[in-house]
């Protein structure tokens, strides 16, 4: 993944389990840019039955197929 600001490839800093601390998200990933020093936190939403059902429909419909 590249930096939104300077397009340099980001450095992965790690994944952190936040299931017990947050109701909406179960993991946060931190990324940093070696060029412009930007720092990014990416939150992964918890997967629910509704989420998995919708994702299955989108995959089946070809939305994620190129």
Protein backbone atom coordinates (compact mmCIF):
# COMPACT_ATOMS: atom_id res chain seq x y z
CA UNK A 1 0.00 0.00 0.00
CA UNK A 2 1.30 3.44 -0.86
CA UNK A 3 1.21 6.71 1.07
CA UNK A 4 -1.78 8.93 0.30
CA UNK A 5 0.47 12.01 0.45
CA UNK A 6 3.67 11.13 -1.41
CA UNK A 7 2.95 7.70 -2.97
CA UNK A 8 5.93 5.99 -1.32
CA UNK A 9 5.36 2.38 -0.20
CA UNK A 10 4.25 2.27 3.45
CA UNK A 11 5.99 0.29 6.17
CA UNK A 12 3.79 -2.09 8.15
CA UNK A 13 4.25 -1.51 11.87
CA UNK A 14 1.99 -4.24 13.18
CA UNK A 15 -1.55 -5.39 13.87
CA UNK A 16 -3.18 -4.98 17.25
CA UNK A 17 -6.21 -6.87 18.55
CA UNK A 18 -8.79 -4.42 19.91
CA UNK A 19 -11.79 -6.78 20.19
CA UNK A 20 -12.17 -6.22 23.93
CA UNK A 21 -11.82 -2.44 23.69
CA UNK A 22 -14.06 -1.64 20.73
CA UNK A 23 -17.53 -2.78 19.63
CA UNK A 24 -17.22 -1.79 15.95
CA UNK A 25 -13.66 -2.87 15.12
CA UNK A 26 -11.60 -5.92 16.00
CA UNK A 27 -8.14 -4.97 14.74
CA UNK A 28 -6.06 -1.86 14.07
CA UNK A 29 -3.03 -1.84 11.77
CA UNK A 30 -0.40 0.88 11.89
CA UNK A 31 1.50 1.96 8.79
CA UNK A 32 4.14 4.64 8.37
CA UNK A 33 5.79 6.41 5.46
CA UNK A 34 9.60 6.45 5.35
CA UNK A 35 9.61 9.44 2.99
CA UNK A 36 7.17 12.06 4.37
CA UNK A 37 6.84 10.53 7.89
CA UNK A 38 3.04 10.27 7.70
CA UNK A 39 1.46 7.75 10.09
CA UNK A 40 -1.73 5.81 9.38
CA UNK A 41 -4.04 3.73 11.53
CA UNK A 42 -6.36 1.37 9.65
CA UNK A 43 -9.29 -0.08 11.59
CA UNK A 44 -10.79 -3.42 10.49
CA UNK A 45 -14.53 -3.65 11.15
CA UNK A 46 -15.87 -6.65 13.01
CA UNK A 47 -17.36 -9.19 10.67
CA UNK A 48 -21.03 -9.84 11.31
CA UNK A 49 -23.48 -12.19 9.64
CA UNK A 50 -24.90 -9.22 7.71
CA UNK A 51 -21.40 -8.19 6.61
CA UNK A 52 -20.51 -11.72 5.44
CA UNK A 53 -23.86 -12.11 3.65
CA UNK A 54 -23.41 -8.79 1.79
CA UNK A 55 -19.79 -9.60 0.91
CA UNK A 56 -20.88 -12.96 -0.50
CA UNK A 57 -23.52 -11.26 -2.66
CA UNK A 58 -21.00 -8.74 -3.98
CA UNK A 59 -18.42 -11.41 -4.79
CA UNK A 60 -21.05 -13.57 -6.49
CA UNK A 61 -22.34 -10.60 -8.51
CA UNK A 62 -18.85 -9.97 -9.87
CA UNK A 63 -18.29 -6.64 -8.08
CA UNK A 64 -14.84 -7.77 -6.94
CA UNK A 65 -13.92 -9.60 -10.13
CA UNK A 66 -11.86 -7.72 -12.70
